[in-house]
Amino acid sequence: AAALLPVLKINKTAWWDACGVMGRYSAAICVMVIDQKAQNPDNPIKNPGGYLRAMTKRAKAGELNLQNSVFGLLKRDEEKHDA
């Protein structure tokens, strides 16, 4: 995930904050989710760093559900292949 940070233009401070709040594994999943969403031609994320900060804020408040994010991406991919 750390290798994607410069590609997505996510600064290291946002990454470190995410790691501090939710741990490295969850932060890595967030970056992978952001990477996939940034590549969505229908609705790409325009500010990946801001998106990671928003996810970190939700995690800190106990409101982040990474499972839904991952399953949502899988469902989107499945629907794309079924079409």
PDB file of N, CA and C in Angstrom:
ATOM      1  N   ALA A   1       0.828  -1.200   0.000  1.00  0.00           N
ATOM      2  CA  ALA A   1       0.000   0.000   0.000  1.00  0.00           C
ATOM      3  C   ALA A   1       0.868   1.258   0.000  1.00  0.00           C
ATOM      4  N   ALA A   2       1.974   1.219   0.718  1.00  0.00           N
ATOM      5  CA  ALA A   2       2.836   2.402   0.792  1.00  0.00           C
ATOM      6  C   ALA A   2       3.361   2.789  -0.588  1.00  0.00           C
ATOM      7  N   ALA A   3       3.539   1.813  -1.477  1.00  0.00           N
ATOM      8  CA  ALA A   3       4.013   2.106  -2.829  1.00  0.00           C
ATOM      9  C   ALA A   3       2.967   2.863  -3.647  1.00  0.00           C
ATOM     10  N   LEU A   4       1.703   2.735  -3.282  1.00  0.00           N
ATOM     11  CA  LEU A   4       0.632   3.433  -4.000  1.00  0.00           C
ATOM     12  C   LEU A   4       0.491   4.891  -3.578  1.00  0.00           C
ATOM     13  N   LEU A   5       1.034   5.246  -2.425  1.00  0.00           N
ATOM     14  CA  LEU A   5       0.850   6.608  -1.913  1.00  0.00           C
ATOM     15  C   LEU A   5       1.267   7.683  -2.915  1.00  0.00           C
ATOM     16  N   PRO A   6       2.479   7.616  -3.482  1.00  0.00           N
ATOM     17  CA  PRO A   6       2.845   8.670  -4.434  1.00  0.00           C
ATOM     18  C   PRO A   6       2.008   8.627  -5.713  1.00  0.00           C
ATOM     19  N   VAL A   7       1.627   7.436  -6.139  1.00  0.00           N
ATOM     20  CA  VAL A   7       0.805   7.295  -7.344  1.00  0.00           C
ATOM     21  C   VAL A   7      -0.545   7.978  -7.142  1.00  0.00           C
ATOM     22  N   LEU A   8      -1.120   7.794  -5.943  1.00  0.00           N
ATOM     23  CA  LEU A   8      -2.426   8.378  -5.626  1.00  0.00           C
ATOM     24  C   LEU A   8      -2.313   9.811  -5.104  1.00  0.00           C
ATOM     25  N   LYS A   9      -1.078  10.262  -4.925  1.00  0.00           N
ATOM     26  CA  LYS A   9      -0.820  11.602  -4.377  1.00  0.00           C
ATOM     27  C   LYS A   9      -1.384  11.749  -2.958  1.00  0.00           C
ATOM     28  N   ILE A  10      -1.183  10.685  -2.162  1.00  0.00           N
ATOM     29  CA  ILE A  10      -1.540  10.709  -0.743  1.00  0.00           C
ATOM     30  C   ILE A  10      -0.253  11.003   0.016  1.00  0.00           C
ATOM     31  N   ASN A  11      -0.254  12.055   0.837  1.00  0.00           N
ATOM     32  CA  ASN A  11       0.982  12.382   1.546  1.00  0.00           C
ATOM     33  C   ASN A  11       1.205  11.433   2.723  1.00  0.00           C
ATOM     34  N   LYS A  12       2.463  11.345   3.117  1.00  0.00           N
ATOM     35  CA  LYS A  12       2.840  10.400   4.170  1.00  0.00           C
ATOM     36  C   LYS A  12       2.184  10.722   5.503  1.00  0.00           C
ATOM     37  N   THR A  13       1.903  11.975   5.753  1.00  0.00           N
ATOM     38  CA  THR A  13       1.245  12.346   7.009  1.00  0.00           C
ATOM     39  C   THR A  13      -0.143  11.726   7.093  1.00  0.00           C
ATOM     40  N   ALA A  14      -0.880  11.759   5.993  1.00  0.00           N
ATOM     41  CA  ALA A  14      -2.211  11.140   5.972  1.00  0.00           C
ATOM     42  C   ALA A  14      -2.087   9.636   6.201  1.00  0.00           C
ATOM     43  N   TRP A  15      -1.072   9.023   5.602  1.00  0.00           N
ATOM     44  CA  TRP A  15      -0.831   7.587   5.779  1.00  0.00           C
ATOM     45  C   TRP A  15      -0.492   7.265   7.235  1.00  0.00           C
ATOM     46  N   TRP A  16       0.435   8.039   7.815  1.00  0.00           N
ATOM     47  CA  TRP A  16       0.830   7.795   9.205  1.00  0.00           C
ATOM     48  C   TRP A  16      -0.346   7.992  10.151  1.00  0.00           C
ATOM     49  N   ASP A  17      -1.152   9.019   9.902  1.00  0.00           N
ATOM     50  CA  ASP A  17      -2.341   9.244  10.733  1.00  0.00           C
ATOM     51  C   ASP A  17      -3.283   8.049  10.646  1.00  0.00           C
ATOM     52  N   ALA A  18      -3.499   7.554   9.425  1.00  0.00           N
ATOM     53  CA  ALA A  18      -4.378   6.397   9.233  1.00  0.00           C
ATOM     54  C   ALA A  18      -3.821   5.176   9.967  1.00  0.00           C
ATOM     55  N   CYS A  19      -2.518   4.949   9.847  1.00  0.00           N
ATOM     56  CA  CYS A  19      -1.893   3.811  10.537  1.00  0.00           C
ATOM     57  C   CYS A  19      -2.024   3.946  12.048  1.00  0.00           C
ATOM     58  N   GLY A  20      -1.871   5.161  12.555  1.00  0.00           N
ATOM     59  CA  GLY A  20      -1.976   5.388  13.992  1.00  0.00           C
ATOM     60  C   GLY A  20      -3.374   5.157  14.527  1.00  0.00           C
ATOM     61  N   VAL A  21      -4.375   5.477  13.730  1.00  0.00           N
ATOM     62  CA  VAL A  21      -5.764   5.335  14.178  1.00  0.00           C
ATOM     63  C   VAL A  21      -6.272   3.909  13.998  1.00  0.00           C
ATOM     64  N   MET A  22      -5.999   3.315  12.826  1.00  0.00           N
ATOM     65  CA  MET A  22      -6.633   2.022  12.537  1.00  0.00           C
ATOM     66  C   MET A  22      -5.666   0.863  12.361  1.00  0.00           C
ATOM     67  N   GLY A  23      -4.357   1.132  12.443  1.00  0.00           N
ATOM     68  CA  GLY A  23      -3.369   0.073  12.240  1.00  0.00           C
ATOM     69  C   GLY A  23      -2.980  -0.022  10.774  1.00  0.00           C
ATOM     70  N   ARG A  24      -1.813  -0.618  10.536  1.00  0.00           N
ATOM     71  CA  ARG A  24      -1.272  -0.679   9.169  1.00  0.00           C
ATOM     72  C   ARG A  24      -2.134  -1.494   8.218  1.00  0.00           C
ATOM     73  N   TYR A  25      -2.677  -2.618   8.693  1.00  0.00           N
ATOM     74  CA  TYR A  25      -3.447  -3.472   7.793  1.00  0.00           C
ATOM     75  C   TYR A  25      -4.725  -2.792   7.330  1.00  0.00           C
ATOM     76  N   SER A  26      -5.452  -2.197   8.252  1.00  0.00           N
ATOM     77  CA  SER A  26      -6.681  -1.496   7.870  1.00  0.00           C
ATOM     78  C   SER A  26      -6.373  -0.279   7.005  1.00  0.00           C
ATOM     79  N   ALA A  27      -5.297   0.427   7.327  1.00  0.00           N
ATOM     80  CA  ALA A  27      -4.905   1.578   6.509  1.00  0.00           C
ATOM     81  C   ALA A  27      -4.545   1.121   5.096  1.00  0.00           C
ATOM     82  N   ALA A  28      -3.875  -0.022   4.989  1.00  0.00           N
ATOM     83  CA  ALA A  28      -3.523  -0.562   3.672  1.00  0.00           C
ATOM     84  C   ALA A  28      -4.777  -0.924   2.883  1.00  0.00           C
ATOM     85  N   ILE A  29      -5.753  -1.506   3.553  1.00  0.00           N
ATOM     86  CA  ILE A  29      -7.017  -1.827   2.880  1.00  0.00           C
ATOM     87  C   ILE A  29      -7.685  -0.549   2.401  1.00  0.00           C
ATOM     88  N   CYS A  30      -7.652   0.489   3.219  1.00  0.00           N
ATOM     89  CA  CYS A  30      -8.215   1.785   2.807  1.00  0.00           C
ATOM     90  C   CYS A  30      -7.544   2.287   1.537  1.00  0.00           C
ATOM     91  N   VAL A  31      -6.221   2.214   1.480  1.00  0.00           N
ATOM     92  CA  VAL A  31      -5.492   2.689   0.300  1.00  0.00           C
ATOM     93  C   VAL A  31      -5.863   1.853  -0.921  1.00  0.00           C
ATOM     94  N   MET A  32      -6.013   0.559  -0.743  1.00  0.00           N
ATOM     95  CA  MET A  32      -6.402  -0.293  -1.869  1.00  0.00           C
ATOM     96  C   MET A  32      -7.817   0.033  -2.345  1.00  0.00           C
ATOM     97  N   VAL A  33      -8.718   0.281  -1.406  1.00  0.00           N
ATOM     98  CA  VAL A  33     -10.083   0.685  -1.763  1.00  0.00           C
ATOM     99  C   VAL A  33     -10.043   2.016  -2.522  1.00  0.00           C
ATOM    100  N   ILE A  34      -9.263   2.947  -2.008  1.00  0.00           N
ATOM    101  CA  ILE A  34      -9.135   4.258  -2.661  1.00  0.00           C
ATOM    102  C   ILE A  34      -8.573   4.097  -4.074  1.00  0.00           C
ATOM    103  N   ASP A  35      -7.573   3.241  -4.235  1.00  0.00           N
ATOM    104  CA  ASP A  35      -6.991   3.010  -5.552  1.00  0.00           C
ATOM    105  C   ASP A  35      -8.050   2.510  -6.530  1.00  0.00           C
ATOM    106  N   GLN A  36      -8.850   1.555  -6.094  1.00  0.00           N
ATOM    107  CA  GLN A  36      -9.894   1.023  -6.970  1.00  0.00           C
ATOM    108  C   GLN A  36     -10.951   2.074  -7.294  1.00  0.00           C
ATOM    109  N   LYS A  37     -11.335   2.842  -6.283  1.00  0.00           N
ATOM    110  CA  LYS A  37     -12.341   3.884  -6.510  1.00  0.00           C
ATOM    111  C   LYS A  37     -11.801   5.001  -7.392  1.00  0.00           C
ATOM    112  N   ALA A  38     -10.522   5.278  -7.303  1.00  0.00           N
ATOM    113  CA  ALA A  38      -9.917   6.319  -8.140  1.00  0.00           C
ATOM    114  C   ALA A  38      -9.911   5.907  -9.609  1.00  0.00           C
ATOM    115  N   GLN A  39      -9.937   4.612  -9.856  1.00  0.00           N
ATOM    116  CA  GLN A  39      -9.930   4.098 -11.227  1.00  0.00           C
ATOM    117  C   GLN A  39     -11.330   3.905 -11.803  1.00  0.00           C
ATOM    118  N   ASN A  40     -12.357   4.181 -11.020  1.00  0.00           N
ATOM    119  CA  ASN A  40     -13.737   4.014 -11.475  1.00  0.00           C
ATOM    120  C   ASN A  40     -14.077   5.125 -12.470  1.00  0.00           C
ATOM    121  N   PRO A  41     -14.279   4.787 -13.733  1.00  0.00           N
ATOM    122  CA  PRO A  41     -14.542   5.831 -14.723  1.00  0.00           C
ATOM    123  C   PRO A  41     -15.880   6.543 -14.519  1.00  0.00           C
ATOM    124  N   ASP A  42     -16.821   5.883 -13.858  1.00  0.00           N
ATOM    125  CA  ASP A  42     -18.144   6.479 -13.644  1.00  0.00           C
ATOM    126  C   ASP A  42     -18.140   7.538 -12.550  1.00  0.00           C
ATOM    127  N   ASN A  43     -17.316   7.326 -11.512  1.00  0.00           N
ATOM    128  CA  ASN A  43     -17.310   8.253 -10.379  1.00  0.00           C
ATOM    129  C   ASN A  43     -15.957   8.190  -9.666  1.00  0.00           C
ATOM    130  N   PRO A  44     -14.880   8.652 -10.314  1.00  0.00           N
ATOM    131  CA  PRO A  44     -13.555   8.534  -9.691  1.00  0.00           C
ATOM    132  C   PRO A  44     -13.380   9.490  -8.510  1.00  0.00           C
ATOM    133  N   ILE A  45     -12.600   9.042  -7.537  1.00  0.00           N
ATOM    134  CA  ILE A  45     -12.236   9.904  -6.413  1.00  0.00           C
ATOM    135  C   ILE A  45     -11.297  10.975  -6.952  1.00  0.00           C
ATOM    136  N   LYS A  46     -11.582  12.205  -6.650  1.00  0.00           N
ATOM    137  CA  LYS A  46     -10.764  13.310  -7.156  1.00  0.00           C
ATOM    138  C   LYS A  46      -9.649  13.704  -6.185  1.00  0.00           C
ATOM    139  N   ASN A  47      -9.820  13.379  -4.894  1.00  0.00           N
ATOM    140  CA  ASN A  47      -8.830  13.746  -3.887  1.00  0.00           C
ATOM    141  C   ASN A  47      -8.572  12.538  -2.981  1.00  0.00           C
ATOM    142  N   PRO A  48      -7.718  11.599  -3.423  1.00  0.00           N
ATOM    143  CA  PRO A  48      -7.463  10.397  -2.634  1.00  0.00           C
ATOM    144  C   PRO A  48      -6.950  10.676  -1.219  1.00  0.00           C
ATOM    145  N   GLY A  49      -6.107  11.699  -1.059  1.00  0.00           N
ATOM    146  CA  GLY A  49      -5.603  12.031   0.278  1.00  0.00           C
ATOM    147  C   GLY A  49      -6.717  12.481   1.201  1.00  0.00           C
ATOM    148  N   GLY A  50      -7.606  13.299   0.688  1.00  0.00           N
ATOM    149  CA  GLY A  50      -8.761  13.740   1.465  1.00  0.00           C
ATOM    150  C   GLY A  50      -9.684  12.584   1.797  1.00  0.00           C
ATOM    151  N   TYR A  51      -9.805  11.653   0.855  1.00  0.00           N
ATOM    152  CA  TYR A  51     -10.649  10.477   1.080  1.00  0.00           C
ATOM    153  C   TYR A  51     -10.068   9.623   2.209  1.00  0.00           C
ATOM    154  N   LEU A  52      -8.730   9.441   2.207  1.00  0.00           N
ATOM    155  CA  LEU A  52      -8.087   8.680   3.286  1.00  0.00           C
ATOM    156  C   LEU A  52      -8.272   9.393   4.618  1.00  0.00           C
ATOM    157  N   ARG A  53      -8.137  10.694   4.634  1.00  0.00           N
ATOM    158  CA  ARG A  53      -8.343  11.445   5.883  1.00  0.00           C
ATOM    159  C   ARG A  53      -9.783  11.294   6.377  1.00  0.00           C
ATOM    160  N   ALA A  54     -10.743  11.301   5.458  1.00  0.00           N
ATOM    161  CA  ALA A  54     -12.147  11.114   5.845  1.00  0.00           C
ATOM    162  C   ALA A  54     -12.368   9.708   6.399  1.00  0.00           C
ATOM    163  N   MET A  55     -11.740   8.713   5.789  1.00  0.00           N
ATOM    164  CA  MET A  55     -11.849   7.342   6.292  1.00  0.00           C
ATOM    165  C   MET A  55     -11.216   7.243   7.681  1.00  0.00           C
ATOM    166  N   THR A  56     -10.083   7.914   7.877  1.00  0.00           N
ATOM    167  CA  THR A  56      -9.411   7.915   9.178  1.00  0.00           C
ATOM    168  C   THR A  56     -10.301   8.560  10.233  1.00  0.00           C
ATOM    169  N   LYS A  57     -10.938   9.650   9.871  1.00  0.00           N
ATOM    170  CA  LYS A  57     -11.846  10.332  10.799  1.00  0.00           C
ATOM    171  C   LYS A  57     -13.018   9.420  11.179  1.00  0.00           C
ATOM    172  N   ARG A  58     -13.569   8.718  10.183  1.00  0.00           N
ATOM    173  CA  ARG A  58     -14.664   7.784  10.479  1.00  0.00           C
ATOM    174  C   ARG A  58     -14.178   6.633  11.358  1.00  0.00           C
ATOM    175  N   ALA A  59     -12.962   6.147  11.106  1.00  0.00           N
ATOM    176  CA  ALA A  59     -12.410   5.063  11.927  1.00  0.00           C
ATOM    177  C   ALA A  59     -12.237   5.522  13.368  1.00  0.00           C
ATOM    178  N   LYS A  60     -11.746   6.731  13.537  1.00  0.00           N
ATOM    179  CA  LYS A  60     -11.537   7.277  14.886  1.00  0.00           C
ATOM    180  C   LYS A  60     -12.854   7.381  15.640  1.00  0.00           C
ATOM    181  N   ALA A  61     -13.936   7.682  14.915  1.00  0.00           N
ATOM    182  CA  ALA A  61     -15.260   7.807  15.524  1.00  0.00           C
ATOM    183  C   ALA A  61     -15.972   6.459  15.633  1.00  0.00           C
ATOM    184  N   GLY A  62     -15.321   5.387  15.161  1.00  0.00           N
ATOM    185  CA  GLY A  62     -15.931   4.061  15.201  1.00  0.00           C
ATOM    186  C   GLY A  62     -16.994   3.864  14.135  1.00  0.00           C
ATOM    187  N   GLU A  63     -16.926   4.667  13.072  1.00  0.00           N
ATOM    188  CA  GLU A  63     -17.961   4.637  12.039  1.00  0.00           C
ATOM    189  C   GLU A  63     -17.479   4.074  10.701  1.00  0.00           C
ATOM    190  N   LEU A  64     -16.243   3.624  10.626  1.00  0.00           N
ATOM    191  CA  LEU A  64     -15.720   3.103   9.364  1.00  0.00           C
ATOM    192  C   LEU A  64     -16.021   1.616   9.270  1.00  0.00           C
ATOM    193  N   ASN A  65     -16.605   1.197   8.166  1.00  0.00           N
ATOM    194  CA  ASN A  65     -16.898  -0.210   7.933  1.00  0.00           C
ATOM    195  C   ASN A  65     -16.177  -0.639   6.658  1.00  0.00           C
ATOM    196  N   LEU A  66     -14.964  -1.125   6.826  1.00  0.00           N
ATOM    197  CA  LEU A  66     -14.162  -1.523   5.671  1.00  0.00           C
ATOM    198  C   LEU A  66     -14.761  -2.707   4.931  1.00  0.00           C
ATOM    199  N   GLN A  67     -15.455  -3.576   5.655  1.00  0.00           N
ATOM    200  CA  GLN A  67     -16.082  -4.719   4.993  1.00  0.00           C
ATOM    201  C   GLN A  67     -17.051  -4.246   3.921  1.00  0.00           C
ATOM    202  N   ASN A  68     -17.867  -3.258   4.247  1.00  0.00           N
ATOM    203  CA  ASN A  68     -18.815  -2.737   3.262  1.00  0.00           C
ATOM    204  C   ASN A  68     -18.091  -2.144   2.064  1.00  0.00           C
ATOM    205  N   SER A  69     -16.983  -1.468   2.311  1.00  0.00           N
ATOM    206  CA  SER A  69     -16.214  -0.879   1.208  1.00  0.00           C
ATOM    207  C   SER A  69     -15.672  -1.963   0.282  1.00  0.00           C
ATOM    208  N   VAL A  70     -15.099  -3.002   0.861  1.00  0.00           N
ATOM    209  CA  VAL A  70     -14.526  -4.086   0.063  1.00  0.00           C
ATOM    210  C   VAL A  70     -15.621  -4.841  -0.679  1.00  0.00           C
ATOM    211  N   PHE A  71     -16.693  -5.198   0.030  1.00  0.00           N
ATOM    212  CA  PHE A  71     -17.774  -5.935  -0.624  1.00  0.00           C
ATOM    213  C   PHE A  71     -18.465  -5.082  -1.681  1.00  0.00           C
ATOM    214  N   GLY A  72     -18.542  -3.782  -1.464  1.00  0.00           N
ATOM    215  CA  GLY A  72     -19.099  -2.879  -2.470  1.00  0.00           C
ATOM    216  C   GLY A  72     -18.272  -2.887  -3.747  1.00  0.00           C
ATOM    217  N   LEU A  73     -16.949  -2.901  -3.596  1.00  0.00           N
ATOM    218  CA  LEU A  73     -16.077  -2.973  -4.772  1.00  0.00           C
ATOM    219  C   LEU A  73     -16.246  -4.302  -5.499  1.00  0.00           C
ATOM    220  N   LEU A  74     -16.347  -5.383  -4.734  1.00  0.00           N
ATOM    221  CA  LEU A  74     -16.539  -6.697  -5.350  1.00  0.00           C
ATOM    222  C   LEU A  74     -17.859  -6.749  -6.106  1.00  0.00           C
ATOM    223  N   LYS A  75     -18.899  -6.186  -5.503  1.00  0.00           N
ATOM    224  CA  LYS A  75     -20.214  -6.174  -6.146  1.00  0.00           C
ATOM    225  C   LYS A  75     -20.169  -5.344  -7.427  1.00  0.00           C
ATOM    226  N   ARG A  76     -19.517  -4.185  -7.362  1.00  0.00           N
ATOM    227  CA  ARG A  76     -19.392  -3.326  -8.544  1.00  0.00           C
ATOM    228  C   ARG A  76     -18.661  -4.060  -9.659  1.00  0.00           C
ATOM    229  N   ASP A  77     -17.592  -4.759  -9.302  1.00  0.00           N
ATOM    230  CA  ASP A  77     -16.817  -5.501 -10.290  1.00  0.00           C
ATOM    231  C   ASP A  77     -17.645  -6.639 -10.880  1.00  0.00           C
ATOM    232  N   GLU A  78     -18.397  -7.314 -10.023  1.00  0.00           N
ATOM    233  CA  GLU A  78     -19.257  -8.411 -10.461  1.00  0.00           C
ATOM    234  C   GLU A  78     -20.321  -7.907 -11.437  1.00  0.00           C
ATOM    235  N   GLU A  79     -20.942  -6.780 -11.106  1.00  0.00           N
ATOM    236  CA  GLU A  79     -21.974  -6.202 -11.968  1.00  0.00           C
ATOM    237  C   GLU A  79     -21.388  -5.767 -13.303  1.00  0.00           C
ATOM    238  N   LYS A  80     -20.159  -5.268 -13.276  1.00  0.00           N
ATOM    239  CA  LYS A  80     -19.497  -4.828 -14.505  1.00  0.00           C
ATOM    240  C   LYS A  80     -19.271  -6.016 -15.437  1.00  0.00           C
ATOM    241  N   HIS A  81     -18.907  -7.164 -14.858  1.00  0.00           N
ATOM    242  CA  HIS A  81     -18.636  -8.347 -15.670  1.00  0.00           C
ATOM    243  C   HIS A  81     -19.920  -9.018 -16.140  1.00  0.00           C
ATOM    244  N   ASP A  82     -21.008  -8.851 -15.384  1.00  0.00           N
ATOM    245  CA  ASP A  82     -22.293  -9.435 -15.774  1.00  0.00           C
ATOM    246  C   ASP A  82     -22.974  -8.643 -16.881  1.00  0.00           C
ATOM    247  N   ALA A  83     -22.599  -7.376 -17.022  1.00  0.00           N
ATOM    248  CA  ALA A  83     -23.269  -6.514 -18.016  1.00  0.00           C
ATOM    249  C   ALA A  83     -22.825  -6.809 -19.430  1.00  0.00           C
TER     250      ALA A  83
END
